[in-house]
């Protein structure tokens, strides 16, 4: 009787452990990795829709991004088919923008944006904007 109970308990533990491991997909990147990747992705400029020209109008391009805050707002579910973690990341900072003919200004932004985090064939974390 004692060995049947031990076998049953062991079987249940193994079942739940495997269920948890299979359901988790892959580990998420750490907060420091997320910050580094987002900083690298946005270092050359941010989408022009992120910055608003004073008085309205079109921002032609941005460059020289300076990030103040990179914060993970929410993780999505792991996409098993394409092997990525979607995340909503809040990005606060400023960027130099061309707002007119040779008219350059540093404009602030505060945006929650969608990013996809995945590992390449060598296990190195990568990111792309959605």
C-alpha atoms as a PDB file:
ATOM      1  CA  UNK A   1       0.000   0.000   0.000  1.00  0.00           C
ATOM      2  CA  UNK A   2       2.815   2.349   0.893  1.00  0.00           C
ATOM      3  CA  UNK A   3       4.600   1.901  -2.461  1.00  0.00           C
ATOM      4  CA  UNK A   4       1.341   2.491  -4.395  1.00  0.00           C
ATOM      5  CA  UNK A   5       0.828   5.856  -2.640  1.00  0.00           C
ATOM      6  CA  UNK A   6       4.425   6.873  -3.258  1.00  0.00           C
ATOM      7  CA  UNK A   7       4.186   5.868  -6.917  1.00  0.00           C
ATOM      8  CA  UNK A   8       0.920   7.783  -7.319  1.00  0.00           C
ATOM      9  CA  UNK A   9       2.321  10.916  -5.696  1.00  0.00           C
ATOM     10  CA  UNK A  10       5.509  10.702  -7.772  1.00  0.00           C
ATOM     11  CA  UNK A  11       3.471  10.287 -10.982  1.00  0.00           C
ATOM     12  CA  UNK A  12       1.340  13.331 -10.146  1.00  0.00           C
ATOM     13  CA  UNK A  13       4.429  15.443  -9.408  1.00  0.00           C
ATOM     14  CA  UNK A  14       6.078  14.436 -12.663  1.00  0.00           C
ATOM     15  CA  UNK A  15       2.879  15.162 -14.597  1.00  0.00           C
ATOM     16  CA  UNK A  16       2.519  18.686 -13.157  1.00  0.00           C
ATOM     17  CA  UNK A  17       6.201  19.461 -13.614  1.00  0.00           C
ATOM     18  CA  UNK A  18       6.093  18.474 -17.292  1.00  0.00           C
ATOM     19  CA  UNK A  19       2.856  20.403 -17.799  1.00  0.00           C
ATOM     20  CA  UNK A  20       4.449  23.554 -16.388  1.00  0.00           C
ATOM     21  CA  UNK A  21       7.600  23.173 -18.470  1.00  0.00           C
ATOM     22  CA  UNK A  22       5.723  22.572 -21.712  1.00  0.00           C
ATOM     23  CA  UNK A  23       3.257  25.404 -21.103  1.00  0.00           C
ATOM     24  CA  UNK A  24       5.933  28.025 -20.460  1.00  0.00           C
ATOM     25  CA  UNK A  25       7.362  28.051 -23.972  1.00  0.00           C
ATOM     26  CA  UNK A  26      10.743  29.719 -23.707  1.00  0.00           C
ATOM     27  CA  UNK A  27      12.147  31.968 -21.008  1.00  0.00           C
ATOM     28  CA  UNK A  28      11.595  35.713 -21.431  1.00  0.00           C
ATOM     29  CA  UNK A  29      14.534  38.069 -21.782  1.00  0.00           C
ATOM     30  CA  UNK A  30      15.545  39.818 -18.555  1.00  0.00           C
ATOM     31  CA  UNK A  31      14.713  43.454 -17.900  1.00  0.00           C
ATOM     32  CA  UNK A  32      18.306  44.523 -18.537  1.00  0.00           C
ATOM     33  CA  UNK A  33      18.343  42.685 -21.887  1.00  0.00           C
ATOM     34  CA  UNK A  34      15.036  44.314 -22.872  1.00  0.00           C
ATOM     35  CA  UNK A  35      16.383  47.789 -22.036  1.00  0.00           C
ATOM     36  CA  UNK A  36      19.632  47.220 -23.961  1.00  0.00           C
ATOM     37  CA  UNK A  37      17.850  45.865 -27.052  1.00  0.00           C
ATOM     38  CA  UNK A  38      15.264  48.671 -27.144  1.00  0.00           C
ATOM     39  CA  UNK A  39      18.000  51.290 -26.720  1.00  0.00           C
ATOM     40  CA  UNK A  40      19.942  49.766 -29.623  1.00  0.00           C
ATOM     41  CA  UNK A  41      16.820  49.536 -31.802  1.00  0.00           C
ATOM     42  CA  UNK A  42      15.881  53.194 -31.235  1.00  0.00           C
ATOM     43  CA  UNK A  43      19.391  54.706 -31.084  1.00  0.00           C
ATOM     44  CA  UNK A  44      19.309  56.072 -34.636  1.00  0.00           C
ATOM     45  CA  UNK A  45      15.799  57.484 -34.395  1.00  0.00           C
ATOM     46  CA  UNK A  46      12.225  56.831 -33.417  1.00  0.00           C
ATOM     47  CA  UNK A  47       9.163  56.648 -35.667  1.00  0.00           C
ATOM     48  CA  UNK A  48       8.062  60.161 -36.622  1.00  0.00           C
ATOM     49  CA  UNK A  49       4.588  59.406 -35.256  1.00  0.00           C
ATOM     50  CA  UNK A  50       6.117  59.299 -31.755  1.00  0.00           C
ATOM     51  CA  UNK A  51       7.090  62.982 -31.748  1.00  0.00           C
ATOM     52  CA  UNK A  52       4.696  65.876 -32.224  1.00  0.00           C
ATOM     53  CA  UNK A  53       5.714  69.071 -33.960  1.00  0.00           C
ATOM     54  CA  UNK A  54       4.721  72.159 -31.973  1.00  0.00           C
ATOM     55  CA  UNK A  55       1.720  73.718 -33.694  1.00  0.00           C
ATOM     56  CA  UNK A  56       1.049  70.526 -35.678  1.00  0.00           C
ATOM     57  CA  UNK A  57       2.407  69.520 -39.043  1.00  0.00           C
ATOM     58  CA  UNK A  58       4.812  66.910 -40.282  1.00  0.00           C
ATOM     59  CA  UNK A  59       8.023  65.717 -38.672  1.00  0.00           C
ATOM     60  CA  UNK A  60      10.257  64.559 -41.524  1.00  0.00           C
ATOM     61  CA  UNK A  61      12.714  62.356 -39.621  1.00  0.00           C
ATOM     62  CA  UNK A  62      14.318  61.840 -36.231  1.00  0.00           C
ATOM     63  CA  UNK A  63      17.833  61.060 -35.033  1.00  0.00           C
ATOM     64  CA  UNK A  64      20.010  61.228 -31.908  1.00  0.00           C
ATOM     65  CA  UNK A  65      17.503  59.537 -29.636  1.00  0.00           C
ATOM     66  CA  UNK A  66      18.064  59.945 -25.904  1.00  0.00           C
ATOM     67  CA  UNK A  67      16.050  57.520 -23.789  1.00  0.00           C
ATOM     68  CA  UNK A  68      15.105  58.406 -20.211  1.00  0.00           C
ATOM     69  CA  UNK A  69      12.919  55.409 -19.399  1.00  0.00           C
ATOM     70  CA  UNK A  70      12.399  51.946 -20.860  1.00  0.00           C
ATOM     71  CA  UNK A  71       9.743  50.045 -18.899  1.00  0.00           C
ATOM     72  CA  UNK A  72       8.032  46.730 -19.600  1.00  0.00           C
ATOM     73  CA  UNK A  73       4.294  47.449 -19.374  1.00  0.00           C
ATOM     74  CA  UNK A  74       2.980  44.009 -20.330  1.00  0.00           C
ATOM     75  CA  UNK A  75       4.159  40.673 -21.704  1.00  0.00           C
ATOM     76  CA  UNK A  76       1.997  38.874 -24.246  1.00  0.00           C
ATOM     77  CA  UNK A  77       1.717  35.127 -24.648  1.00  0.00           C
ATOM     78  CA  UNK A  78       4.670  33.302 -26.147  1.00  0.00           C
ATOM     79  CA  UNK A  79       4.081  32.626 -29.851  1.00  0.00           C
ATOM     80  CA  UNK A  80       5.100  28.981 -30.217  1.00  0.00           C
ATOM     81  CA  UNK A  81       4.771  28.918 -34.014  1.00  0.00           C
ATOM     82  CA  UNK A  82       7.121  31.861 -34.603  1.00  0.00           C
ATOM     83  CA  UNK A  83       9.103  31.598 -31.346  1.00  0.00           C
ATOM     84  CA  UNK A  84       8.824  35.164 -30.010  1.00  0.00           C
ATOM     85  CA  UNK A  85       7.629  37.053 -26.925  1.00  0.00           C
ATOM     86  CA  UNK A  86       5.437  40.092 -27.686  1.00  0.00           C
ATOM     87  CA  UNK A  87       5.674  42.964 -25.213  1.00  0.00           C
ATOM     88  CA  UNK A  88       4.308  46.445 -24.681  1.00  0.00           C
ATOM     89  CA  UNK A  89       7.219  48.683 -23.725  1.00  0.00           C
ATOM     90  CA  UNK A  90       6.874  52.250 -22.464  1.00  0.00           C
ATOM     91  CA  UNK A  91       9.620  54.431 -23.929  1.00  0.00           C
ATOM     92  CA  UNK A  92      10.199  57.994 -22.687  1.00  0.00           C
ATOM     93  CA  UNK A  93      12.854  60.267 -24.112  1.00  0.00           C
ATOM     94  CA  UNK A  94      13.696  62.855 -26.723  1.00  0.00           C
ATOM     95  CA  UNK A  95      14.931  62.915 -30.297  1.00  0.00           C
ATOM     96  CA  UNK A  96      16.311  65.524 -32.658  1.00  0.00           C
ATOM     97  CA  UNK A  97      13.726  66.051 -35.387  1.00  0.00           C
ATOM     98  CA  UNK A  98      13.596  67.966 -38.650  1.00  0.00           C
ATOM     99  CA  UNK A  99      10.357  69.940 -38.430  1.00  0.00           C
ATOM    100  CA  UNK A 100      10.962  72.227 -41.419  1.00  0.00           C
ATOM    101  CA  UNK A 101      13.538  73.088 -44.037  1.00  0.00           C
ATOM    102  CA  UNK A 102      16.791  73.039 -42.021  1.00  0.00           C
ATOM    103  CA  UNK A 103      14.714  73.555 -38.860  1.00  0.00           C
ATOM    104  CA  UNK A 104      15.877  71.022 -36.262  1.00  0.00           C
ATOM    105  CA  UNK A 105      14.421  70.717 -32.762  1.00  0.00           C
ATOM    106  CA  UNK A 106      14.712  68.311 -29.890  1.00  0.00           C
ATOM    107  CA  UNK A 107      11.231  66.936 -29.217  1.00  0.00           C
ATOM    108  CA  UNK A 108      10.072  64.762 -26.325  1.00  0.00           C
ATOM    109  CA  UNK A 109       8.070  61.564 -26.617  1.00  0.00           C
ATOM    110  CA  UNK A 110       6.274  59.187 -24.251  1.00  0.00           C
ATOM    111  CA  UNK A 111       5.026  56.117 -26.100  1.00  0.00           C
ATOM    112  CA  UNK A 112       3.865  52.588 -25.300  1.00  0.00           C
ATOM    113  CA  UNK A 113       4.966  50.536 -28.303  1.00  0.00           C
ATOM    114  CA  UNK A 114       4.796  46.888 -29.338  1.00  0.00           C
ATOM    115  CA  UNK A 115       8.062  44.982 -29.629  1.00  0.00           C
ATOM    116  CA  UNK A 116       8.846  41.348 -30.446  1.00  0.00           C
ATOM    117  CA  UNK A 117      11.698  39.611 -28.609  1.00  0.00           C
ATOM    118  CA  UNK A 118      13.209  36.423 -30.033  1.00  0.00           C
ATOM    119  CA  UNK A 119      16.417  34.433 -29.991  1.00  0.00           C
ATOM    120  CA  UNK A 120      18.507  33.971 -33.120  1.00  0.00           C
ATOM    121  CA  UNK A 121      20.062  30.647 -34.149  1.00  0.00           C
ATOM    122  CA  UNK A 122      22.917  31.232 -31.706  1.00  0.00           C
ATOM    123  CA  UNK A 123      20.700  31.938 -28.695  1.00  0.00           C
ATOM    124  CA  UNK A 124      21.317  35.702 -28.752  1.00  0.00           C
ATOM    125  CA  UNK A 125      18.288  37.910 -27.985  1.00  0.00           C
ATOM    126  CA  UNK A 126      17.015  40.153 -30.799  1.00  0.00           C
ATOM    127  CA  UNK A 127      14.196  42.692 -31.003  1.00  0.00           C
ATOM    128  CA  UNK A 128      12.002  44.229 -33.667  1.00  0.00           C
ATOM    129  CA  UNK A 129       9.303  46.870 -33.539  1.00  0.00           C
ATOM    130  CA  UNK A 130       5.890  45.632 -34.422  1.00  0.00           C
END
